[in-house]
Each structure stands twice: as structure tokens, then as C-alpha cells.
C-alpha atoms as a PDB file:
ATOM      1  CA  UNK A   1       0.000   0.000   0.000  1.00  0.00           C
ATOM      2  CA  UNK A   2       2.843   2.384   0.862  1.00  0.00           C
ATOM      3  CA  UNK A   3       4.595   1.603  -2.396  1.00  0.00           C
ATOM      4  CA  UNK A   4       1.405   2.312  -4.349  1.00  0.00           C
ATOM      5  CA  UNK A   5       0.920   5.659  -2.547  1.00  0.00           C
ATOM      6  CA  UNK A   6       4.531   6.608  -3.207  1.00  0.00           C
ATOM      7  CA  UNK A   7       4.144   5.824  -6.915  1.00  0.00           C
ATOM      8  CA  UNK A   8       0.956   7.907  -7.129  1.00  0.00           C
ATOM      9  CA  UNK A   9       2.679  10.780  -5.330  1.00  0.00           C
ATOM     10  CA  UNK A  10       5.655  10.631  -7.720  1.00  0.00           C
ATOM     11  CA  UNK A  11       3.308  10.592 -10.721  1.00  0.00           C
ATOM     12  CA  UNK A  12       1.337  13.571  -9.407  1.00  0.00           C
ATOM     13  CA  UNK A  13       4.510  15.547  -8.705  1.00  0.00           C
ATOM     14  CA  UNK A  14       5.848  14.678 -12.164  1.00  0.00           C
ATOM     15  CA  UNK A  15       2.618  15.847 -13.780  1.00  0.00           C
ATOM     16  CA  UNK A  16       2.668  19.082 -11.771  1.00  0.00           C
ATOM     17  CA  UNK A  17       6.290  19.703 -12.758  1.00  0.00           C
ATOM     18  CA  UNK A  18       5.484  19.061 -16.440  1.00  0.00           C
ATOM     19  CA  UNK A  19       2.596  21.570 -16.316  1.00  0.00           C
ATOM     20  CA  UNK A  20       4.803  24.144 -14.588  1.00  0.00           C
ATOM     21  CA  UNK A  21       7.588  23.752 -17.149  1.00  0.00           C
ATOM     22  CA  UNK A  22       5.123  24.011 -20.025  1.00  0.00           C
ATOM     23  CA  UNK A  23       3.671  27.210 -18.575  1.00  0.00           C
ATOM     24  CA  UNK A  24       7.141  28.701 -18.202  1.00  0.00           C
ATOM     25  CA  UNK A  25       8.112  27.921 -21.777  1.00  0.00           C
ATOM     26  CA  UNK A  26       4.801  29.315 -23.088  1.00  0.00           C
ATOM     27  CA  UNK A  27       5.376  32.485 -21.082  1.00  0.00           C
ATOM     28  CA  UNK A  28       8.788  32.948 -22.642  1.00  0.00           C
ATOM     29  CA  UNK A  29       7.538  32.622 -26.208  1.00  0.00           C
ATOM     30  CA  UNK A  30       4.510  34.856 -25.548  1.00  0.00           C
ATOM     31  CA  UNK A  31       6.522  37.506 -23.694  1.00  0.00           C
ATOM     32  CA  UNK A  32       5.496  40.960 -24.900  1.00  0.00           C
ATOM     33  CA  UNK A  33       8.002  42.993 -22.923  1.00  0.00           C
ATOM     34  CA  UNK A  34      10.165  45.281 -25.027  1.00  0.00           C
ATOM     35  CA  UNK A  35      13.307  47.253 -24.307  1.00  0.00           C
ATOM     36  CA  UNK A  36      12.989  51.013 -23.985  1.00  0.00           C
ATOM     37  CA  UNK A  37      12.899  52.650 -27.394  1.00  0.00           C
ATOM     38  CA  UNK A  38      10.692  53.396 -30.371  1.00  0.00           C
ATOM     39  CA  UNK A  39       9.057  50.845 -32.629  1.00  0.00           C
ATOM     40  CA  UNK A  40       6.885  50.816 -35.716  1.00  0.00           C
ATOM     41  CA  UNK A  41       3.657  49.084 -34.734  1.00  0.00           C
ATOM     42  CA  UNK A  42       0.411  48.098 -36.412  1.00  0.00           C
ATOM     43  CA  UNK A  43      -2.736  49.577 -34.817  1.00  0.00           C
ATOM     44  CA  UNK A  44      -5.849  47.531 -35.611  1.00  0.00           C
ATOM     45  CA  UNK A  45      -9.393  48.678 -34.890  1.00  0.00           C
ATOM     46  CA  UNK A  46     -12.780  47.024 -35.125  1.00  0.00           C
ATOM     47  CA  UNK A  47     -14.194  49.731 -37.406  1.00  0.00           C
ATOM     48  CA  UNK A  48     -13.365  51.239 -40.790  1.00  0.00           C
ATOM     49  CA  UNK A  49     -14.708  54.536 -39.435  1.00  0.00           C
ATOM     50  CA  UNK A  50     -11.938  54.718 -36.802  1.00  0.00           C
ATOM     51  CA  UNK A  51      -8.491  54.124 -38.233  1.00  0.00           C
ATOM     52  CA  UNK A  52      -5.047  55.573 -38.747  1.00  0.00           C
ATOM     53  CA  UNK A  53      -4.425  57.968 -41.613  1.00  0.00           C
ATOM     54  CA  UNK A  54      -4.150  56.115 -44.932  1.00  0.00           C
ATOM     55  CA  UNK A  55      -0.700  57.626 -45.541  1.00  0.00           C
ATOM     56  CA  UNK A  56       0.602  55.480 -42.666  1.00  0.00           C
ATOM     57  CA  UNK A  57      -1.224  52.240 -43.540  1.00  0.00           C
ATOM     58  CA  UNK A  58      -2.523  51.510 -40.004  1.00  0.00           C
ATOM     59  CA  UNK A  59       0.903  52.061 -38.395  1.00  0.00           C
ATOM     60  CA  UNK A  60       1.976  54.255 -35.517  1.00  0.00           C
ATOM     61  CA  UNK A  61       5.039  54.828 -33.381  1.00  0.00           C
ATOM     62  CA  UNK A  62       5.118  52.748 -30.199  1.00  0.00           C
ATOM     63  CA  UNK A  63       7.288  54.220 -27.459  1.00  0.00           C
ATOM     64  CA  UNK A  64       8.447  52.037 -24.590  1.00  0.00           C
ATOM     65  CA  UNK A  65       9.825  53.757 -21.505  1.00  0.00           C
ATOM     66  CA  UNK A  66      10.358  52.057 -18.148  1.00  0.00           C
ATOM     67  CA  UNK A  67       8.144  49.154 -19.224  1.00  0.00           C
ATOM     68  CA  UNK A  68       5.213  51.395 -20.188  1.00  0.00           C
ATOM     69  CA  UNK A  69       3.999  51.422 -23.774  1.00  0.00           C
ATOM     70  CA  UNK A  70       2.301  54.255 -25.645  1.00  0.00           C
ATOM     71  CA  UNK A  71       1.453  54.326 -29.335  1.00  0.00           C
ATOM     72  CA  UNK A  72       1.136  57.602 -31.225  1.00  0.00           C
ATOM     73  CA  UNK A  73      -1.570  57.291 -33.834  1.00  0.00           C
ATOM     74  CA  UNK A  74      -2.292  59.878 -36.521  1.00  0.00           C
ATOM     75  CA  UNK A  75      -5.929  59.921 -37.592  1.00  0.00           C
ATOM     76  CA  UNK A  76      -7.603  61.021 -40.831  1.00  0.00           C
ATOM     77  CA  UNK A  77      -9.200  64.262 -39.629  1.00  0.00           C
ATOM     78  CA  UNK A  78      -9.982  66.375 -36.581  1.00  0.00           C
ATOM     79  CA  UNK A  79     -13.425  64.785 -36.060  1.00  0.00           C
ATOM     80  CA  UNK A  80     -12.344  62.682 -33.070  1.00  0.00           C
ATOM     81  CA  UNK A  81     -11.656  65.103 -30.236  1.00  0.00           C
ATOM     82  CA  UNK A  82     -10.862  62.825 -27.275  1.00  0.00           C
ATOM     83  CA  UNK A  83      -9.986  59.197 -26.589  1.00  0.00           C
ATOM     84  CA  UNK A  84     -10.235  57.148 -23.427  1.00  0.00           C
ATOM     85  CA  UNK A  85      -8.545  53.821 -22.733  1.00  0.00           C
ATOM     86  CA  UNK A  86     -11.629  52.004 -21.533  1.00  0.00           C
ATOM     87  CA  UNK A  87     -15.307  52.109 -22.392  1.00  0.00           C
ATOM     88  CA  UNK A  88     -17.506  55.090 -23.207  1.00  0.00           C
ATOM     89  CA  UNK A  89     -19.385  54.773 -19.902  1.00  0.00           C
ATOM     90  CA  UNK A  90     -16.085  54.740 -18.004  1.00  0.00           C
ATOM     91  CA  UNK A  91     -14.929  57.828 -19.915  1.00  0.00           C
ATOM     92  CA  UNK A  92     -17.905  59.815 -18.658  1.00  0.00           C
ATOM     93  CA  UNK A  93     -16.901  58.947 -15.076  1.00  0.00           C
ATOM     94  CA  UNK A  94     -13.144  59.618 -15.539  1.00  0.00           C
ATOM     95  CA  UNK A  95     -12.932  62.886 -17.440  1.00  0.00           C
ATOM     96  CA  UNK A  96      -9.522  63.676 -15.959  1.00  0.00           C
ATOM     97  CA  UNK A  97      -8.052  60.638 -17.771  1.00  0.00           C
ATOM     98  CA  UNK A  98      -9.246  61.598 -21.255  1.00  0.00           C
ATOM     99  CA  UNK A  99      -6.551  61.579 -23.921  1.00  0.00           C
ATOM    100  CA  UNK A 100      -6.270  64.955 -25.646  1.00  0.00           C
ATOM    101  CA  UNK A 101      -5.211  65.273 -29.281  1.00  0.00           C
ATOM    102  CA  UNK A 102      -2.026  66.596 -30.764  1.00  0.00           C
ATOM    103  CA  UNK A 103      -2.066  68.378 -34.104  1.00  0.00           C
ATOM    104  CA  UNK A 104      -0.142  66.288 -36.617  1.00  0.00           C
ATOM    105  CA  UNK A 105       0.799  67.315 -40.147  1.00  0.00           C
ATOM    106  CA  UNK A 106       0.604  64.549 -42.726  1.00  0.00           C
ATOM    107  CA  UNK A 107       2.728  64.987 -45.851  1.00  0.00           C
ATOM    108  CA  UNK A 108       1.071  63.094 -48.701  1.00  0.00           C
ATOM    109  CA  UNK A 109       3.021  61.737 -51.658  1.00  0.00           C
ATOM    110  CA  UNK A 110       1.262  64.147 -54.043  1.00  0.00           C
ATOM    111  CA  UNK A 111       2.722  67.136 -52.153  1.00  0.00           C
ATOM    112  CA  UNK A 112      -0.439  67.973 -50.184  1.00  0.00           C
ATOM    113  CA  UNK A 113      -0.047  68.606 -46.439  1.00  0.00           C
ATOM    114  CA  UNK A 114      -2.932  68.297 -43.997  1.00  0.00           C
ATOM    115  CA  UNK A 115      -3.386  69.020 -40.290  1.00  0.00           C
ATOM    116  CA  UNK A 116      -5.143  66.168 -38.483  1.00  0.00           C
ATOM    117  CA  UNK A 117      -5.379  64.959 -34.904  1.00  0.00           C
ATOM    118  CA  UNK A 118      -3.067  62.425 -33.367  1.00  0.00           C
ATOM    119  CA  UNK A 119      -3.255  60.719 -29.981  1.00  0.00           C
ATOM    120  CA  UNK A 120      -0.822  59.071 -27.571  1.00  0.00           C
ATOM    121  CA  UNK A 121      -2.661  55.918 -26.499  1.00  0.00           C
ATOM    122  CA  UNK A 122      -1.429  53.866 -23.527  1.00  0.00           C
ATOM    123  CA  UNK A 123      -1.042  50.220 -24.549  1.00  0.00           C
ATOM    124  CA  UNK A 124      -1.681  47.708 -21.738  1.00  0.00           C
ATOM    125  CA  UNK A 125      -0.460  44.653 -23.668  1.00  0.00           C
ATOM    126  CA  UNK A 126       0.676  43.783 -27.169  1.00  0.00           C
ATOM    127  CA  UNK A 127      -1.376  41.585 -29.509  1.00  0.00           C
ATOM    128  CA  UNK A 128      -4.411  41.640 -27.176  1.00  0.00           C
ATOM    129  CA  UNK A 129      -7.578  43.611 -27.841  1.00  0.00           C
ATOM    130  CA  UNK A 130      -8.397  46.395 -25.409  1.00  0.00           C
ATOM    131  CA  UNK A 131     -11.196  48.952 -25.053  1.00  0.00           C
ATOM    132  CA  UNK A 132     -10.689  52.409 -26.519  1.00  0.00           C
ATOM    133  CA  UNK A 133     -13.583  54.863 -26.523  1.00  0.00           C
ATOM    134  CA  UNK A 134     -13.693  57.910 -28.758  1.00  0.00           C
ATOM    135  CA  UNK A 135     -15.547  61.198 -28.520  1.00  0.00           C
ATOM    136  CA  UNK A 136     -16.648  62.761 -31.792  1.00  0.00           C
ATOM    137  CA  UNK A 137     -17.237  66.414 -32.609  1.00  0.00           C
ATOM    138  CA  UNK A 138     -20.990  65.971 -31.996  1.00  0.00           C
ATOM    139  CA  UNK A 139     -20.417  65.001 -28.355  1.00  0.00           C
ATOM    140  CA  UNK A 140     -21.147  61.271 -28.673  1.00  0.00           C
ATOM    141  CA  UNK A 141     -18.913  58.545 -27.249  1.00  0.00           C
ATOM    142  CA  UNK A 142     -18.308  55.332 -29.201  1.00  0.00           C
ATOM    143  CA  UNK A 143     -16.806  52.065 -27.953  1.00  0.00           C
ATOM    144  CA  UNK A 144     -14.114  50.279 -29.942  1.00  0.00           C
ATOM    145  CA  UNK A 145     -11.737  47.363 -29.562  1.00  0.00           C
ATOM    146  CA  UNK A 146      -8.166  47.890 -30.722  1.00  0.00           C
ATOM    147  CA  UNK A 147      -4.884  45.999 -30.639  1.00  0.00           C
ATOM    148  CA  UNK A 148      -1.223  46.800 -31.219  1.00  0.00           C
ATOM    149  CA  UNK A 149       1.435  44.593 -32.754  1.00  0.00           C
ATOM    150  CA  UNK A 150       5.100  45.529 -33.120  1.00  0.00           C
ATOM    151  CA  UNK A 151       6.563  45.370 -36.623  1.00  0.00           C
ATOM    152  CA  UNK A 152      10.151  46.422 -35.912  1.00  0.00           C
ATOM    153  CA  UNK A 153      12.356  48.698 -33.846  1.00  0.00           C
ATOM    154  CA  UNK A 154      13.176  52.128 -35.271  1.00  0.00           C
ATOM    155  CA  UNK A 155      16.810  52.564 -36.227  1.00  0.00           C
ATOM    156  CA  UNK A 156      18.785  55.296 -34.488  1.00  0.00           C
ATOM    157  CA  UNK A 157      18.193  58.601 -36.293  1.00  0.00           C
ATOM    158  CA  UNK A 158      15.533  57.124 -38.591  1.00  0.00           C
ATOM    159  CA  UNK A 159      12.783  59.579 -39.591  1.00  0.00           C
ATOM    160  CA  UNK A 160       9.490  58.389 -38.071  1.00  0.00           C
ATOM    161  CA  UNK A 161       7.215  59.537 -40.891  1.00  0.00           C
ATOM    162  CA  UNK A 162       9.418  57.987 -43.568  1.00  0.00           C
ATOM    163  CA  UNK A 163       9.547  54.738 -41.581  1.00  0.00           C
ATOM    164  CA  UNK A 164       5.746  54.653 -41.237  1.00  0.00           C
ATOM    165  CA  UNK A 165       5.286  55.125 -44.979  1.00  0.00           C
ATOM    166  CA  UNK A 166       7.941  52.619 -46.033  1.00  0.00           C
ATOM    167  CA  UNK A 167       6.967  49.540 -44.006  1.00  0.00           C
END
């Protein structure tokens, strides 16, 4: 009886160790931590009405500093006036955390320049969808799901706009 109990205990411990090792190896391959720096990243949304400016083909500049990630996205117009990382109902309750726009100038290949809004969006995790609410010029909030995926690290001294257009 003791021998049987010992064998069962060894089998259970072996199984637990196998599960633990598998989890560790999965964690290593799925690790989304990046070194401090700037990266070209793809910004995907759930709506064709909310997207990055066509000149940049759904790409933005992801900045990593002290383990925190923020992506700068340049939109197609100035019709989105605020963003909130969370849902529209949460945005109404947390007005102090609204993301304000920057004014970005897009230089199109045909020589036309246009002022549009850009936003610095905090990114909680790469490759996972997260809530991002937007406020339009008519005062209505809209819920969206977005995700961010790194394409490559920016080279030292590389022009951000040129890099966004060339990827």
C-alpha cells in the first residue's frame, strides 16, 4: 500500500512539474516585454470609421519607456476630439483621464499637407484587444476594440514619418 501511494505521489509531482515547465516555456515565447525605445507598430481597430491615416497604412510609433507602452496614432481628420482607454461609460466617469489630441501634419506623396489629430494611447499589452472609446465632434462617445502589434524597432536617427510610410 505504501509503495502504491509513493508511486501515485511521484506521478502527481511529475505531472505538476510538467505543467509548470510548459507554462514557463509558453510564457517565454509569448513575452510581450520590449526594451525602452521606439518601434513601428500596427494599430488595428474594429471599425473602418476609426483608423489611422491612410498615408501610414494603419501604423503608428510605439514608445516604450520604463516598461510602459504608448502608441502615437495619426488619424484622418480632426473629427475625433478625445480618446479614453476604456469604455464610453467609463470615460464619462473619468474625465480627468481623457486623452487629448495633438495636431499632426501629414505629408502626402502628391505634395499635399494636412493638419489632423493624433493621440498618444497607452497600450496595456501587445497583440491583445483592449477597449478604446472615442468622442466625436458631436459630443457622442463610441466604444471600440483595438490591438497593437510591433513590426520592428526604429533605427537610431531614422525619420518616423518615412519609416511609417515605407513599411
